[in-house]
Amino acid sequence: MAGPDKSAQKGKVIGMLIAGVGVFWIVATFLGSYFELSMRIRALFDLFALAGFVLAIVMIYQLWRARQTDRG
């Protein structure tokens, strides 16, 4: 049962996760082309970013469920 402060804090963490993964993905894509890394390495970075976004979706779902149970 998350209170309003705890819920807001978790929302901020989720927002920072999404922003961080987005920045990582952009930088990894840029560095991959700049250093001419193989497509396998670039795909690995893409999979890392995808895993980060999936984690964010799971955390958003958990936050939503916690808010639903707080309402009653």
C-alpha atoms as a PDB file:
ATOM      1  CA  MET A   1       0.000   0.000   0.000  1.00  0.00           C
ATOM      2  CA  ALA A   2       1.918   2.970  -1.274  1.00  0.00           C
ATOM      3  CA  GLY A   3       1.060   6.404   0.056  1.00  0.00           C
ATOM      4  CA  PRO A   4       0.991   9.521  -2.098  1.00  0.00           C
ATOM      5  CA  ASP A   5       4.622  10.381  -1.338  1.00  0.00           C
ATOM      6  CA  LYS A   6       5.873   6.871  -2.013  1.00  0.00           C
ATOM      7  CA  SER A   7       3.795   6.674  -5.166  1.00  0.00           C
ATOM      8  CA  ALA A   8       5.129   9.988  -6.420  1.00  0.00           C
ATOM      9  CA  GLN A   9       8.688   8.917  -5.664  1.00  0.00           C
ATOM     10  CA  LYS A  10       8.234   5.667  -7.591  1.00  0.00           C
ATOM     11  CA  GLY A  11       6.785   7.628 -10.505  1.00  0.00           C
ATOM     12  CA  LYS A  12       9.863   9.855 -10.556  1.00  0.00           C
ATOM     13  CA  VAL A  13      12.123   6.802 -10.554  1.00  0.00           C
ATOM     14  CA  ILE A  14      10.198   5.353 -13.493  1.00  0.00           C
ATOM     15  CA  GLY A  15      10.493   8.643 -15.361  1.00  0.00           C
ATOM     16  CA  MET A  16      14.231   8.752 -14.776  1.00  0.00           C
ATOM     17  CA  LEU A  17      14.541   5.134 -15.930  1.00  0.00           C
ATOM     18  CA  ILE A  18      12.716   5.881 -19.183  1.00  0.00           C
ATOM     19  CA  ALA A  19      14.808   9.006 -19.792  1.00  0.00           C
ATOM     20  CA  GLY A  20      18.043   7.195 -18.962  1.00  0.00           C
ATOM     21  CA  VAL A  21      17.276   4.273 -21.248  1.00  0.00           C
ATOM     22  CA  GLY A  22      16.356   6.671 -24.040  1.00  0.00           C
ATOM     23  CA  VAL A  23      19.614   8.592 -23.686  1.00  0.00           C
ATOM     24  CA  PHE A  24      21.580   5.326 -23.507  1.00  0.00           C
ATOM     25  CA  TRP A  25      19.917   4.105 -26.685  1.00  0.00           C
ATOM     26  CA  ILE A  26      20.651   7.315 -28.590  1.00  0.00           C
ATOM     27  CA  VAL A  27      24.284   7.422 -27.429  1.00  0.00           C
ATOM     28  CA  ALA A  28      24.804   3.715 -28.137  1.00  0.00           C
ATOM     29  CA  THR A  29      23.387   4.121 -31.639  1.00  0.00           C
ATOM     30  CA  PHE A  30      25.611   7.127 -32.305  1.00  0.00           C
ATOM     31  CA  LEU A  31      28.736   5.442 -30.942  1.00  0.00           C
ATOM     32  CA  GLY A  32      27.950   2.256 -32.843  1.00  0.00           C
ATOM     33  CA  SER A  33      27.944   4.088 -36.138  1.00  0.00           C
ATOM     34  CA  TYR A  34      30.873   6.354 -35.201  1.00  0.00           C
ATOM     35  CA  PHE A  35      33.156   3.452 -34.280  1.00  0.00           C
ATOM     36  CA  GLU A  36      31.687   1.252 -37.019  1.00  0.00           C
ATOM     37  CA  LEU A  37      30.794  -1.523 -34.592  1.00  0.00           C
ATOM     38  CA  SER A  38      29.390  -4.722 -36.005  1.00  0.00           C
ATOM     39  CA  MET A  39      25.647  -5.128 -36.346  1.00  0.00           C
ATOM     40  CA  ARG A  40      25.720  -7.805 -33.640  1.00  0.00           C
ATOM     41  CA  ILE A  41      27.065  -5.342 -31.082  1.00  0.00           C
ATOM     42  CA  ARG A  42      24.556  -2.683 -32.161  1.00  0.00           C
ATOM     43  CA  ALA A  43      21.748  -5.230 -31.861  1.00  0.00           C
ATOM     44  CA  LEU A  44      22.974  -6.093 -28.370  1.00  0.00           C
ATOM     45  CA  PHE A  45      22.693  -2.430 -27.374  1.00  0.00           C
ATOM     46  CA  ASP A  46      19.199  -2.363 -28.870  1.00  0.00           C
ATOM     47  CA  LEU A  47      18.243  -5.404 -26.809  1.00  0.00           C
ATOM     48  CA  PHE A  48      19.572  -3.745 -23.658  1.00  0.00           C
ATOM     49  CA  ALA A  49      17.439  -0.697 -24.396  1.00  0.00           C
ATOM     50  CA  LEU A  50      14.418  -2.855 -25.116  1.00  0.00           C
ATOM     51  CA  ALA A  51      14.891  -4.649 -21.794  1.00  0.00           C
ATOM     52  CA  GLY A  52      15.043  -1.290 -20.022  1.00  0.00           C
ATOM     53  CA  PHE A  53      11.800  -0.133 -21.636  1.00  0.00           C
ATOM     54  CA  VAL A  54      10.088  -3.432 -20.759  1.00  0.00           C
ATOM     55  CA  LEU A  55      11.252  -3.006 -17.162  1.00  0.00           C
ATOM     56  CA  ALA A  56       9.747   0.492 -17.161  1.00  0.00           C
ATOM     57  CA  ILE A  57       6.421  -0.854 -18.444  1.00  0.00           C
ATOM     58  CA  VAL A  58       6.387  -3.499 -15.712  1.00  0.00           C
ATOM     59  CA  MET A  59       7.135  -0.849 -13.078  1.00  0.00           C
ATOM     60  CA  ILE A  60       4.353   1.386 -14.438  1.00  0.00           C
ATOM     61  CA  TYR A  61       1.917  -1.529 -14.216  1.00  0.00           C
ATOM     62  CA  GLN A  62       2.978  -2.231 -10.632  1.00  0.00           C
ATOM     63  CA  LEU A  63       2.524   1.432  -9.722  1.00  0.00           C
ATOM     64  CA  TRP A  64      -0.903   1.493 -11.341  1.00  0.00           C
ATOM     65  CA  ARG A  65      -1.968  -1.645  -9.449  1.00  0.00           C
ATOM     66  CA  ALA A  66      -0.708  -0.184  -6.152  1.00  0.00           C
ATOM     67  CA  ARG A  67      -2.747   2.967  -6.745  1.00  0.00           C
ATOM     68  CA  GLN A  68      -5.839   0.899  -7.560  1.00  0.00           C
ATOM     69  CA  THR A  69      -5.589  -1.028  -4.284  1.00  0.00           C
ATOM     70  CA  ASP A  70      -5.030   2.224  -2.341  1.00  0.00           C
ATOM     71  CA  ARG A  71      -8.381   3.531  -3.580  1.00  0.00           C
ATOM     72  CA  GLY A  72     -10.196   0.543  -2.191  1.00  0.00           C
END
